[in-house]
Amino acid sequence: MESQLFNEVRQIIEDCKVLNFPESKLALAIIRAAEKYSDKEVVSVFSCLSNDVMAEIRQQISRYETTGEYYVISSAGIKDLFGLMGRISKLVVSFN
């Protein structure tokens, strides 16, 4: 049975393709979706992602690890993703 995160990520990928968004936006959307799921579920779903998507997620993580900060700026304001990026960084390392 597919998990909720798997279904959400699949929908994000489809939406980004339809909207012709770059992989950087796709990766960020997937990272943000992972916030509300367990570590086990995140690792399971991330391990099924394509190499291209995982490469972009790793690039996002690399930016976080280089600066120790990660903010998303949008029309809604500034969102600090420091905690989430730290968590995702540890999880991605765990299945490499």
N, C-alpha and C. Protein backbone atom coordinates (compact mmCIF):
# COMPACT_ATOMS: atom_id res chain seq x y z
N MET A 1 0.84 -1.19 0.00
CA MET A 1 0.00 0.00 0.00
C MET A 1 0.89 1.25 0.00
N GLU A 2 0.53 2.21 -0.80
CA GLU A 2 1.30 3.44 -0.90
C GLU A 2 0.99 4.35 0.28
N SER A 3 2.01 5.04 0.74
CA SER A 3 1.85 5.93 1.88
C SER A 3 1.26 7.27 1.44
N GLN A 4 0.81 8.02 2.43
CA GLN A 4 0.28 9.36 2.14
C GLN A 4 1.38 10.24 1.55
N LEU A 5 2.58 10.15 2.12
CA LEU A 5 3.68 10.97 1.59
C LEU A 5 3.98 10.58 0.15
N PHE A 6 4.00 9.29 -0.15
CA PHE A 6 4.26 8.85 -1.51
C PHE A 6 3.24 9.46 -2.47
N ASN A 7 1.97 9.41 -2.11
CA ASN A 7 0.91 9.99 -2.95
C ASN A 7 1.07 11.49 -3.08
N GLU A 8 1.43 12.16 -1.99
CA GLU A 8 1.62 13.61 -2.03
C GLU A 8 2.80 13.97 -2.93
N VAL A 9 3.89 13.23 -2.81
CA VAL A 9 5.07 13.49 -3.64
C VAL A 9 4.77 13.23 -5.11
N ARG A 10 4.06 12.16 -5.38
CA ARG A 10 3.67 11.86 -6.77
C ARG A 10 2.85 13.02 -7.35
N GLN A 11 1.93 13.58 -6.56
CA GLN A 11 1.12 14.71 -7.02
C GLN A 11 1.98 15.96 -7.23
N ILE A 12 2.93 16.19 -6.34
CA ILE A 12 3.84 17.33 -6.48
C ILE A 12 4.63 17.21 -7.79
N ILE A 13 5.14 16.02 -8.06
CA ILE A 13 5.92 15.80 -9.29
C ILE A 13 5.05 16.06 -10.52
N GLU A 14 3.84 15.54 -10.52
CA GLU A 14 2.93 15.75 -11.65
C GLU A 14 2.61 17.23 -11.83
N ASP A 15 2.32 17.92 -10.72
CA ASP A 15 1.99 19.35 -10.79
C ASP A 15 3.17 20.16 -11.32
N CYS A 16 4.37 19.86 -10.85
CA CYS A 16 5.55 20.60 -11.29
C CYS A 16 5.83 20.37 -12.77
N LYS A 17 5.56 19.16 -13.26
CA LYS A 17 5.73 18.90 -14.70
C LYS A 17 4.73 19.70 -15.51
N VAL A 18 3.47 19.70 -15.08
CA VAL A 18 2.43 20.44 -15.79
C VAL A 18 2.74 21.94 -15.80
N LEU A 19 3.21 22.45 -14.68
CA LEU A 19 3.50 23.88 -14.55
C LEU A 19 4.89 24.24 -15.06
N ASN A 20 5.65 23.23 -15.49
CA ASN A 20 7.00 23.43 -16.01
C ASN A 20 7.92 24.12 -15.00
N PHE A 21 7.79 23.74 -13.74
CA PHE A 21 8.65 24.29 -12.69
C PHE A 21 10.02 23.63 -12.75
N PRO A 22 11.06 24.36 -12.39
CA PRO A 22 12.40 23.76 -12.35
C PRO A 22 12.51 22.75 -11.21
N GLU A 23 13.51 21.87 -11.32
CA GLU A 23 13.68 20.84 -10.29
C GLU A 23 13.98 21.43 -8.92
N SER A 24 14.51 22.64 -8.86
CA SER A 24 14.76 23.26 -7.56
C SER A 24 13.45 23.49 -6.80
N LYS A 25 12.42 23.93 -7.51
CA LYS A 25 11.11 24.12 -6.86
C LYS A 25 10.49 22.78 -6.50
N LEU A 26 10.67 21.80 -7.36
CA LEU A 26 10.17 20.45 -7.10
C LEU A 26 10.81 19.90 -5.83
N ALA A 27 12.12 20.01 -5.74
CA ALA A 27 12.84 19.49 -4.57
C ALA A 27 12.38 20.17 -3.29
N LEU A 28 12.24 21.48 -3.33
CA LEU A 28 11.80 22.21 -2.14
C LEU A 28 10.39 21.80 -1.74
N ALA A 29 9.51 21.62 -2.71
CA ALA A 29 8.13 21.19 -2.41
C ALA A 29 8.12 19.81 -1.76
N ILE A 30 8.97 18.92 -2.24
CA ILE A 30 9.04 17.58 -1.66
C ILE A 30 9.60 17.64 -0.24
N ILE A 31 10.63 18.43 -0.04
CA ILE A 31 11.21 18.59 1.30
C ILE A 31 10.16 19.13 2.27
N ARG A 32 9.44 20.14 1.84
CA ARG A 32 8.42 20.73 2.72
C ARG A 32 7.29 19.75 3.00
N ALA A 33 6.93 18.93 2.02
CA ALA A 33 5.89 17.92 2.23
C ALA A 33 6.33 16.90 3.27
N ALA A 34 7.61 16.60 3.31
CA ALA A 34 8.14 15.59 4.23
C ALA A 34 8.06 16.02 5.69
N GLU A 35 7.89 17.29 5.92
CA GLU A 35 7.91 17.84 7.28
C GLU A 35 6.92 17.14 8.22
N LYS A 36 5.76 16.78 7.72
CA LYS A 36 4.71 16.26 8.61
C LYS A 36 4.66 14.73 8.67
N TYR A 37 5.69 14.06 8.14
CA TYR A 37 5.70 12.59 8.13
C TYR A 37 6.86 12.04 8.96
N SER A 38 6.74 10.78 9.32
CA SER A 38 7.76 10.13 10.14
C SER A 38 9.06 9.95 9.36
N ASP A 39 10.16 9.83 10.10
CA ASP A 39 11.46 9.62 9.48
C ASP A 39 11.44 8.38 8.59
N LYS A 40 10.84 7.31 9.08
CA LYS A 40 10.79 6.05 8.33
C LYS A 40 10.09 6.24 6.99
N GLU A 41 8.98 6.96 7.01
CA GLU A 41 8.22 7.19 5.78
C GLU A 41 9.00 8.08 4.82
N VAL A 42 9.68 9.10 5.35
CA VAL A 42 10.47 10.00 4.51
C VAL A 42 11.59 9.22 3.82
N VAL A 43 12.31 8.41 4.57
CA VAL A 43 13.40 7.62 3.99
C VAL A 43 12.86 6.67 2.92
N SER A 44 11.74 6.04 3.21
CA SER A 44 11.14 5.10 2.26
C SER A 44 10.78 5.79 0.95
N VAL A 45 10.16 6.94 1.03
CA VAL A 45 9.74 7.66 -0.18
C VAL A 45 10.94 8.28 -0.90
N PHE A 46 11.84 8.90 -0.16
CA PHE A 46 13.01 9.52 -0.79
C PHE A 46 13.86 8.48 -1.52
N SER A 47 13.92 7.28 -1.00
CA SER A 47 14.73 6.24 -1.65
C SER A 47 14.13 5.79 -2.98
N CYS A 48 12.88 6.15 -3.24
CA CYS A 48 12.21 5.80 -4.51
C CYS A 48 12.27 6.93 -5.54
N LEU A 49 12.78 8.09 -5.15
CA LEU A 49 12.82 9.23 -6.07
C LEU A 49 13.87 9.02 -7.15
N SER A 50 13.68 9.67 -8.28
CA SER A 50 14.65 9.57 -9.37
C SER A 50 15.98 10.18 -8.95
N ASN A 51 17.03 9.78 -9.65
CA ASN A 51 18.36 10.32 -9.36
C ASN A 51 18.41 11.83 -9.54
N ASP A 52 17.71 12.35 -10.56
CA ASP A 52 17.71 13.79 -10.81
C ASP A 52 17.07 14.56 -9.65
N VAL A 53 15.95 14.06 -9.17
CA VAL A 53 15.27 14.73 -8.06
C VAL A 53 16.12 14.64 -6.79
N MET A 54 16.70 13.48 -6.53
CA MET A 54 17.55 13.34 -5.34
C MET A 54 18.79 14.21 -5.44
N ALA A 55 19.33 14.37 -6.64
CA ALA A 55 20.49 15.25 -6.82
C ALA A 55 20.12 16.68 -6.45
N GLU A 56 18.93 17.11 -6.83
CA GLU A 56 18.49 18.47 -6.49
C GLU A 56 18.23 18.60 -4.99
N ILE A 57 17.66 17.58 -4.38
CA ILE A 57 17.44 17.60 -2.93
C ILE A 57 18.79 17.68 -2.22
N ARG A 58 19.76 16.90 -2.69
CA ARG A 58 21.11 16.96 -2.09
C ARG A 58 21.73 18.34 -2.26
N GLN A 59 21.48 18.98 -3.40
CA GLN A 59 22.00 20.32 -3.63
C GLN A 59 21.37 21.31 -2.64
N GLN A 60 20.07 21.18 -2.41
CA GLN A 60 19.40 22.04 -1.43
C GLN A 60 20.00 21.81 -0.04
N ILE A 61 20.24 20.55 0.30
CA ILE A 61 20.85 20.22 1.59
C ILE A 61 22.25 20.79 1.68
N SER A 62 23.00 20.72 0.60
CA SER A 62 24.36 21.26 0.58
C SER A 62 24.37 22.75 0.87
N ARG A 63 23.41 23.47 0.30
CA ARG A 63 23.30 24.91 0.59
C ARG A 63 23.05 25.14 2.07
N TYR A 64 22.18 24.34 2.65
CA TYR A 64 21.89 24.44 4.08
C TYR A 64 23.14 24.13 4.90
N GLU A 65 23.85 23.06 4.56
CA GLU A 65 25.03 22.66 5.33
C GLU A 65 26.16 23.68 5.21
N THR A 66 26.25 24.36 4.07
CA THR A 66 27.29 25.36 3.86
C THR A 66 27.05 26.59 4.72
N THR A 67 25.81 27.03 4.81
CA THR A 67 25.51 28.27 5.54
C THR A 67 25.00 28.03 6.95
N GLY A 68 24.45 26.86 7.21
CA GLY A 68 23.83 26.60 8.51
C GLY A 68 22.46 27.25 8.64
N GLU A 69 21.98 27.81 7.54
CA GLU A 69 20.67 28.48 7.53
C GLU A 69 19.91 28.05 6.28
N TYR A 70 18.58 28.16 6.36
CA TYR A 70 17.77 27.90 5.17
C TYR A 70 16.45 28.63 5.34
N TYR A 71 16.24 29.61 4.49
CA TYR A 71 15.02 30.40 4.52
C TYR A 71 14.33 30.32 3.17
N VAL A 72 13.02 30.35 3.20
CA VAL A 72 12.23 30.44 1.98
C VAL A 72 11.50 31.78 2.03
N ILE A 73 11.67 32.55 0.98
CA ILE A 73 11.04 33.86 0.91
C ILE A 73 9.93 33.79 -0.13
N SER A 74 8.74 34.19 0.27
CA SER A 74 7.60 34.19 -0.65
C SER A 74 6.73 35.40 -0.36
N SER A 75 5.66 35.52 -1.09
CA SER A 75 4.74 36.64 -0.87
C SER A 75 4.08 36.55 0.51
N ALA A 76 4.08 35.36 1.09
CA ALA A 76 3.49 35.18 2.42
C ALA A 76 4.47 35.55 3.54
N GLY A 77 5.71 35.79 3.18
CA GLY A 77 6.71 36.16 4.18
C GLY A 77 7.93 35.26 4.10
N ILE A 78 8.69 35.27 5.19
CA ILE A 78 9.92 34.48 5.26
C ILE A 78 9.69 33.30 6.19
N LYS A 79 10.07 32.12 5.74
CA LYS A 79 9.91 30.90 6.53
C LYS A 79 11.29 30.32 6.80
N ASP A 80 11.62 30.11 8.06
CA ASP A 80 12.89 29.51 8.46
C ASP A 80 12.74 27.99 8.44
N LEU A 81 13.49 27.33 7.59
CA LEU A 81 13.42 25.87 7.47
C LEU A 81 14.66 25.19 8.06
N PHE A 82 15.34 25.87 8.98
CA PHE A 82 16.55 25.33 9.59
C PHE A 82 16.33 23.94 10.17
N GLY A 83 15.33 23.79 11.01
CA GLY A 83 15.06 22.50 11.66
C GLY A 83 14.72 21.41 10.66
N LEU A 84 13.87 21.73 9.71
CA LEU A 84 13.47 20.75 8.70
C LEU A 84 14.67 20.33 7.86
N MET A 85 15.48 21.27 7.42
CA MET A 85 16.63 20.93 6.59
C MET A 85 17.64 20.09 7.37
N GLY A 86 17.81 20.37 8.64
CA GLY A 86 18.70 19.55 9.47
C GLY A 86 18.20 18.12 9.53
N ARG A 87 16.92 17.97 9.74
CA ARG A 87 16.32 16.63 9.81
C ARG A 87 16.46 15.90 8.48
N ILE A 88 16.12 16.55 7.38
CA ILE A 88 16.20 15.93 6.06
C ILE A 88 17.64 15.58 5.73
N SER A 89 18.56 16.44 6.09
CA SER A 89 19.98 16.18 5.85
C SER A 89 20.42 14.87 6.51
N LYS A 90 20.03 14.68 7.75
CA LYS A 90 20.39 13.45 8.47
C LYS A 90 19.73 12.23 7.84
N LEU A 91 18.50 12.37 7.41
CA LEU A 91 17.78 11.24 6.81
C LEU A 91 18.36 10.84 5.46
N VAL A 92 18.71 11.82 4.65
CA VAL A 92 19.27 11.53 3.33
C VAL A 92 20.61 10.82 3.48
N VAL A 93 21.40 11.23 4.44
CA VAL A 93 22.69 10.58 4.70
C VAL A 93 22.46 9.13 5.14
N SER A 94 21.38 8.89 5.87
CA SER A 94 21.13 7.55 6.42
C SER A 94 20.86 6.49 5.36
N PHE A 95 20.39 6.88 4.18
CA PHE A 95 20.11 5.85 3.18
C PHE A 95 21.05 5.90 1.99
N ASN A 96 22.11 6.66 2.09
CA ASN A 96 23.14 6.68 1.02
C ASN A 96 24.14 5.59 1.22
